[in-house]
Protein backbone atom coordinates (compact mmCIF):
# COMPACT_ATOMS: atom_id res chain seq x y z
CA MET A 1 -78.63 4.75 -23.67
CA GLU A 2 -81.61 6.85 -24.16
CA SER A 3 -80.87 9.93 -26.12
CA THR A 4 -81.83 13.40 -24.61
CA THR A 5 -83.69 14.15 -27.90
CA ASP A 6 -86.06 11.07 -27.26
CA SER A 7 -86.57 11.68 -23.73
CA ILE A 8 -87.61 15.48 -23.88
CA SER A 9 -90.20 14.02 -26.89
CA ALA A 10 -91.40 11.26 -24.50
CA ASP A 11 -92.31 14.01 -21.18
CA LEU A 12 -93.80 16.47 -24.14
CA ALA A 13 -96.00 13.39 -25.15
CA ASN A 14 -97.15 12.08 -21.40
CA THR A 15 -97.92 15.77 -20.48
CA ILE A 16 -99.99 15.74 -23.52
CA LEU A 17 -101.63 13.60 -22.88
CA THR A 18 -102.21 14.23 -19.41
CA ASP A 19 -104.18 17.38 -20.19
CA THR A 20 -106.31 15.78 -22.28
CA ASP A 21 -107.43 13.02 -20.43
CA SER A 22 -107.25 14.38 -16.54
CA THR A 23 -110.30 15.86 -14.92
CA ASP A 24 -108.02 17.71 -12.61
CA THR A 25 -108.30 21.44 -13.40
CA ASN A 26 -105.68 22.29 -11.99
CA PRO A 27 -103.22 23.59 -14.59
CA THR A 28 -99.80 24.01 -12.31
CA ASP A 29 -100.13 20.05 -11.69
CA ASN A 30 -101.34 19.44 -15.93
CA ASN A 31 -98.35 21.26 -17.24
CA LEU A 32 -95.63 19.50 -14.95
CA ILE A 33 -93.13 17.74 -17.57
CA ASP A 34 -91.79 14.38 -15.02
CA ALA A 35 -88.25 15.28 -14.24
CA ASP A 36 -84.79 13.14 -15.93
CA PRO A 37 -83.71 10.80 -12.94
CA SER A 38 -80.25 11.05 -14.25
CA THR A 39 -80.34 15.17 -13.77
CA ASP A 40 -82.19 15.16 -9.94
CA PRO A 41 -79.22 16.04 -7.89
CA SER A 42 -80.37 13.95 -5.23
CA THR A 43 -79.14 10.83 -7.24
CA THR A 44 -75.80 11.85 -8.86
CA ASP A 45 -73.29 10.38 -6.68
CA PRO A 46 -71.18 13.30 -5.12
CA ILE A 47 -67.78 15.14 -6.23
CA ASN A 48 -64.83 13.63 -3.95
CA THR A 49 -62.99 16.71 -3.16
CA ASP A 50 -61.17 15.22 -0.32
CA PRO A 51 -56.95 16.07 -0.58
CA ILE A 52 -55.36 13.56 -1.84
CA THR A 53 -52.49 12.32 1.09
CA ASN A 54 -51.81 8.98 -0.05
CA THR A 55 -47.55 8.71 -0.24
CA ASN A 56 -47.69 5.27 -2.35
CA TRP A 57 -46.95 6.71 -5.66
CA PRO A 58 -49.36 3.80 -7.81
CA THR A 59 -51.67 4.12 -5.63
CA LEU A 60 -51.32 8.19 -5.92
CA LEU A 61 -51.37 8.22 -9.75
CA GLN A 62 -54.74 5.73 -9.81
CA GLU A 63 -56.37 8.61 -7.80
CA VAL A 64 -55.22 11.47 -9.72
CA LYS A 65 -56.51 9.27 -12.94
CA ASP A 66 -59.96 9.59 -11.37
CA ASP A 67 -59.50 12.80 -10.46
CA PRO A 68 -59.35 13.98 -14.26
CA ASP A 69 -61.11 17.42 -13.32
CA ASN A 70 -58.56 17.95 -10.43
CA LYS A 71 -60.96 18.87 -7.55
CA ARG A 72 -58.80 17.08 -5.18
CA VAL A 73 -55.52 19.21 -4.00
CA LEU A 74 -52.53 17.15 -3.22
CA ARG A 75 -51.72 17.38 0.43
CA LEU A 76 -49.04 14.77 1.27
CA THR A 77 -46.81 14.15 4.43
CA CYS A 78 -43.57 12.93 4.72
CA ASP A 79 -43.16 10.02 6.70
CA ILE A 80 -39.93 10.21 8.25
CA CYS A 81 -40.33 14.22 9.68
CA PHE A 82 -44.36 14.33 9.26
CA GLU A 83 -44.34 17.58 7.37
CA LEU A 84 -46.24 18.25 4.68
CA MET A 85 -44.42 17.87 1.01
CA ALA A 86 -44.22 20.19 -2.10
CA THR A 87 -45.58 19.19 -4.65
CA SER A 88 -45.20 21.72 -7.25
CA PRO A 89 -43.00 24.75 -8.09
CA GLY A 90 -45.50 27.64 -7.05
CA GLN A 91 -46.40 25.28 -3.69
CA ASP A 92 -43.90 26.97 -0.45
CA PRO A 93 -41.22 28.17 -2.25
CA GLY A 94 -39.72 28.78 0.83
CA ASN A 95 -39.73 24.47 0.94
CA LEU A 96 -38.11 22.87 -2.20
CA CYS A 97 -35.75 20.86 -0.72
CA HIS A 98 -38.16 19.39 0.60
CA GLU A 99 -40.06 18.47 -2.71
CA ALA A 100 -42.21 15.20 -2.86
CA PHE A 101 -39.66 12.39 -3.82
CA ILE A 102 -40.24 8.84 -4.80
CA LEU A 103 -38.38 6.25 -4.41
CA PRO A 104 -37.74 3.33 -6.80
CA CYS A 105 -40.10 1.21 -4.50
CA GLY A 106 -43.49 3.64 -4.59
CA HIS A 107 -42.73 5.03 -1.53
CA MET A 108 -42.64 8.96 -1.33
CA PHE A 109 -40.92 11.33 1.39
CA GLY A 110 -39.60 14.55 1.56
CA GLN A 111 -36.54 15.15 -0.84
CA SER A 112 -34.30 16.25 2.17
CA CYS A 113 -35.03 13.54 4.78
CA ILE A 114 -34.45 10.53 2.48
CA GLU A 115 -31.24 11.66 1.17
CA GLU A 116 -29.73 12.84 4.83
CA TRP A 117 -31.28 8.96 4.84
CA ILE A 118 -29.24 7.61 2.30
CA GLN A 119 -26.09 9.43 3.42
CA SER A 120 -26.39 8.21 7.32
CA LYS A 121 -26.11 3.99 5.35
CA GLU A 122 -23.46 5.66 2.85
CA ARG A 123 -21.35 6.61 5.60
CA ARG A 124 -21.52 3.18 7.34
CA HIS A 125 -21.15 1.36 4.21
CA TYR A 126 -25.10 -0.06 4.46
CA LYS A 127 -27.26 -0.53 1.45
CA TYR A 128 -29.73 2.09 1.67
CA SER A 129 -33.47 0.68 2.04
CA CYS A 130 -37.12 2.07 1.64
CA PRO A 131 -38.04 3.26 5.42
CA LYS A 132 -41.41 2.89 4.99
CA CYS A 133 -40.98 -1.26 3.06
CA ARG A 134 -37.24 -1.73 4.15
CA ALA A 135 -36.98 -2.71 -0.04
CA VAL A 136 -33.03 -3.25 -0.54
CA MET A 137 -32.05 -0.51 -3.29
CA LYS A 138 -29.19 -2.01 -4.85
CA PRO A 139 -25.89 -0.24 -6.90
CA PHE A 140 -26.19 -0.46 -10.89
CA VAL A 141 -24.82 -3.37 -11.31
CA GLU A 142 -21.99 -2.05 -14.24
CA CYS A 143 -21.61 1.65 -13.02
CA HIS A 144 -21.81 1.36 -9.46
CA HIS A 145 -23.45 3.89 -8.49
CA PRO A 146 -26.45 3.96 -6.23
CA ILE A 147 -30.20 4.18 -7.03
CA ARG A 148 -31.47 7.02 -5.84
CA GLY A 149 -35.40 8.31 -6.74
CA ARG A 150 -36.54 11.35 -8.58
CA CYS A 151 -38.58 14.33 -7.43
CA ILE A 152 -42.49 14.40 -8.70
CA PRO A 153 -43.13 15.95 -11.73
CA PRO A 154 -44.30 19.38 -11.52
CA SER A 155 -47.87 19.10 -12.89
CA ARG A 156 -50.11 16.26 -12.94
CA ASP A 157 -50.01 15.92 -17.20
CA GLU A 158 -46.47 15.00 -16.47
CA TYR A 159 -47.17 12.13 -14.18
CA SER A 160 -47.13 9.33 -16.32
CA ASN A 161 -43.40 9.82 -17.48
CA VAL A 162 -42.32 8.61 -14.30
CA SER A 163 -40.67 5.30 -14.82
CA PRO A 164 -41.94 2.05 -13.67
CA MET A 165 -41.97 0.92 -10.30
CA ILE A 166 -40.19 -1.34 -9.40
CA SER A 167 -42.22 -3.11 -7.61
CA PRO A 168 -45.07 -3.60 -9.36
CA GLY A 169 -43.01 -4.57 -12.45
CA GLY A 170 -40.64 -1.96 -13.45
CA ARG A 171 -36.95 -3.34 -13.73
CA GLN A 172 -33.14 -1.35 -12.84
CA PHE A 173 -30.94 -0.96 -15.65
CA ALA A 174 -27.80 -1.69 -15.86
CA LYS A 175 -26.45 1.77 -15.48
CA CYS A 176 -27.84 5.49 -13.55
CA THR A 177 -29.61 7.65 -15.63
CA ARG A 178 -26.19 9.95 -15.62
CA CYS A 179 -24.22 7.52 -17.07
CA VAL A 180 -26.67 6.82 -19.75
CA ALA A 181 -27.12 10.02 -20.59
CA THR A 182 -23.72 10.60 -20.88
CA GLY A 183 -22.91 7.90 -22.53
CA GLY A 184 -25.85 8.82 -25.59
CA LEU A 185 -23.84 12.14 -26.12
CA GLU A 186 -20.96 10.12 -26.03
CA LEU A 187 -21.75 8.11 -28.37
CA LEU A 188 -23.65 10.77 -30.76
CA ARG A 189 -20.34 12.53 -30.62
CA LYS A 190 -18.32 8.96 -31.89
CA LEU A 191 -21.46 8.19 -34.55
CA THR A 192 -21.10 12.38 -36.05
CA GLY A 193 -17.61 13.63 -35.60
CA LYS A 194 -17.38 17.06 -34.24
CA PRO A 195 -18.80 19.38 -35.88
CA ARG A 196 -16.60 22.86 -37.54
CA CYS A 197 -16.52 25.68 -35.05
CA GLU A 198 -14.56 28.54 -34.94
CA LEU A 199 -13.35 28.89 -31.18
CA GLY A 200 -11.96 31.75 -29.48
CA PRO A 201 -9.04 31.27 -27.12
CA GLY A 202 -10.72 29.40 -23.91
CA GLN A 203 -13.62 27.63 -25.89
CA THR A 204 -14.82 24.44 -26.32
CA LEU A 205 -17.96 22.79 -28.31
CA ASN A 206 -20.64 20.78 -25.73
CA PHE A 207 -23.22 18.70 -26.46
CA ARG A 208 -25.91 19.32 -23.72
CA LEU A 209 -29.14 17.52 -22.83
CA VAL A 210 -31.24 20.60 -21.28
CA SER A 211 -34.76 19.68 -19.64
CA PRO A 212 -37.64 20.43 -20.51
CA ASP A 213 -37.49 23.14 -17.38
CA ALA A 214 -34.30 24.37 -18.01
CA SER A 215 -33.13 23.99 -14.22
CA GLN A 216 -31.00 20.73 -14.70
CA GLN A 217 -28.74 19.63 -18.02
CA PHE A 218 -25.96 16.96 -18.68
CA ILE A 219 -22.54 18.16 -20.91
CA TYR A 220 -19.88 16.10 -22.42
CA PRO A 221 -17.60 16.60 -22.46
CA TYR A 222 -16.86 18.65 -19.09
CA ILE A 223 -13.91 19.04 -16.65
CA LYS A 224 -15.17 18.83 -12.97
CA GLY A 225 -13.72 21.66 -11.47
CA LYS A 226 -14.20 24.04 -14.27
CA GLU A 227 -16.90 26.93 -14.43
CA TYR A 228 -18.85 27.03 -17.29
CA ARG A 229 -20.52 29.58 -19.49
CA VAL A 230 -22.24 29.46 -22.54
CA ASP A 231 -21.13 31.91 -25.48
CA ARG A 232 -23.43 30.76 -28.04
CA ASN A 233 -25.49 27.89 -29.07
CA PHE A 234 -24.62 26.05 -32.66
CA ASP A 235 -27.24 25.36 -34.55
CA ILE A 236 -27.31 21.24 -34.82
CA PRO A 237 -26.11 19.72 -38.26
CA PRO A 238 -28.60 17.48 -40.03
CA ASN A 239 -26.91 14.46 -39.86
CA VAL A 240 -26.46 14.84 -36.46
CA ARG A 241 -30.13 15.40 -35.76
CA ARG A 242 -31.10 12.60 -37.29
CA CYS A 243 -28.22 10.70 -35.55
CA TRP A 244 -29.86 11.89 -31.63
CA ASP A 245 -33.24 11.38 -32.46
CA ARG A 246 -32.62 7.40 -32.72
CA ILE A 247 -30.79 7.82 -30.05
CA GLN A 248 -33.24 9.59 -27.94
CA ASN A 249 -36.64 6.93 -29.00
CA ARG A 250 -34.40 4.96 -28.02
CA LEU A 251 -33.95 6.31 -24.19
CA ALA A 252 -37.59 7.10 -24.36
CA THR A 253 -38.44 3.39 -25.13
CA GLU A 254 -35.80 2.16 -22.20
CA ALA A 255 -37.76 4.88 -19.81
CA GLY A 256 -40.74 2.96 -20.01
CA ARG A 257 -39.68 -0.47 -19.06
CA TYR A 258 -37.08 0.59 -17.00
CA TRP A 259 -36.61 2.89 -13.97
CA PHE A 260 -35.16 6.50 -14.66
CA GLU A 261 -34.46 9.09 -12.24
CA LEU A 262 -35.29 11.54 -15.18
CA ASP A 263 -37.42 12.20 -18.35
CA ILE A 264 -34.12 11.79 -20.89
CA GLY A 265 -35.88 10.72 -23.63
CA ARG A 266 -37.56 14.12 -23.83
CA TRP A 267 -34.60 16.45 -22.16
CA GLU A 268 -33.62 18.84 -25.40
CA LEU A 269 -30.11 17.90 -27.54
CA VAL A 270 -27.71 22.08 -27.61
CA ILE A 271 -24.95 22.24 -29.35
CA SER A 272 -23.08 25.25 -27.72
CA VAL A 273 -19.92 27.31 -27.72
CA MET A 274 -18.83 27.47 -24.47
CA ASP A 275 -16.28 29.82 -22.49
CA VAL A 276 -14.30 27.56 -19.58
CA ARG A 277 -12.56 28.51 -16.84
CA ASP A 278 -10.76 28.16 -13.69
CA GLY A 279 -12.61 28.20 -10.00
CA GLY A 280 -15.60 26.36 -10.57
CA GLN A 281 -17.70 25.87 -7.46
CA GLU A 282 -18.30 22.41 -5.94
CA ASN A 283 -21.23 22.04 -7.96
CA GLU A 284 -20.41 23.52 -11.17
CA THR A 285 -22.60 25.37 -12.95
CA VAL A 286 -23.52 26.60 -16.30
CA VAL A 287 -24.53 30.23 -16.90
CA GLU A 288 -26.85 30.82 -19.84
CA ALA A 289 -26.01 33.25 -23.40
CA GLY A 290 -27.88 37.07 -22.27
CA ALA A 291 -27.82 35.81 -18.56
CA ALA A 292 -27.22 38.58 -15.61
CA PRO A 293 -24.62 37.34 -13.01
CA GLY A 294 -26.13 34.33 -10.63
CA GLU A 295 -28.76 34.27 -13.00
CA LYS A 296 -30.31 30.84 -14.39
CA LEU A 297 -27.54 28.76 -13.38
CA PHE A 298 -27.66 24.90 -13.85
CA ASN A 299 -26.48 21.80 -12.99
CA ILE A 300 -24.30 19.82 -14.62
CA TYR A 301 -24.63 16.62 -14.19
CA GLY A 302 -21.95 13.78 -15.66
CA ARG A 303 -19.73 10.88 -14.48
CA GLU A 304 -18.10 10.74 -11.04
């Protein structure tokens, strides 16, 4: 490819020759430098700024890759209710229950709509299928929990972390993401033992996996129906850190081969001293240390 410097030099040379040989006395024409066609706006392809509307995840992902400058906004419509779906935390805060939700087959629906669809099938003891392509979502063979979808990542930078779709080659793991995560924490505790720590009345020492945005977590061990409040976080011993790094690397590798609902290979390990008391809500919560009442509530995920 001709360099910019060479192109400019050639144009100047042509101009000098024109000035010397031409009998035209019009100085305006003689001093013109030939325009580089590559910079002529009429010869460049127009930038596509049309919204991205495709609700098939592999196709959407390719369109996003073809738009590195993020000129095209996402405008995704749920094929169940035909309403717009939220695709980022800052978009329509009142409609976060209708976030774009990706099924393992790759089709996307509003989370509230697809959850209602799944529950209606389960109530009638049916295996649920994708409302669009009718692909059957079979339960996991070892834990027998239903296979679920996942919300669209909060930013485009994280789209590549979504596990492969089942349709173009992604496979279904033997256990659900919840069981894999809690099993990893259980294995960690079995291999490294319980760190020594002074505990007060009603306190326990728990391993936690916390999502990058601190909105979700897995906890081990936990008792359903209890309320957990973080008293303080515990420094992770070096042997525990080394062991967990190995487990986490394995989780990240598996997430590249199998369908996972969450990017648990990127979650942070935390060891916490926790106050445990009765009176937990139906969806148990954990309150971070120093948080005001009702602030920073985290979902607890564990075996059901």
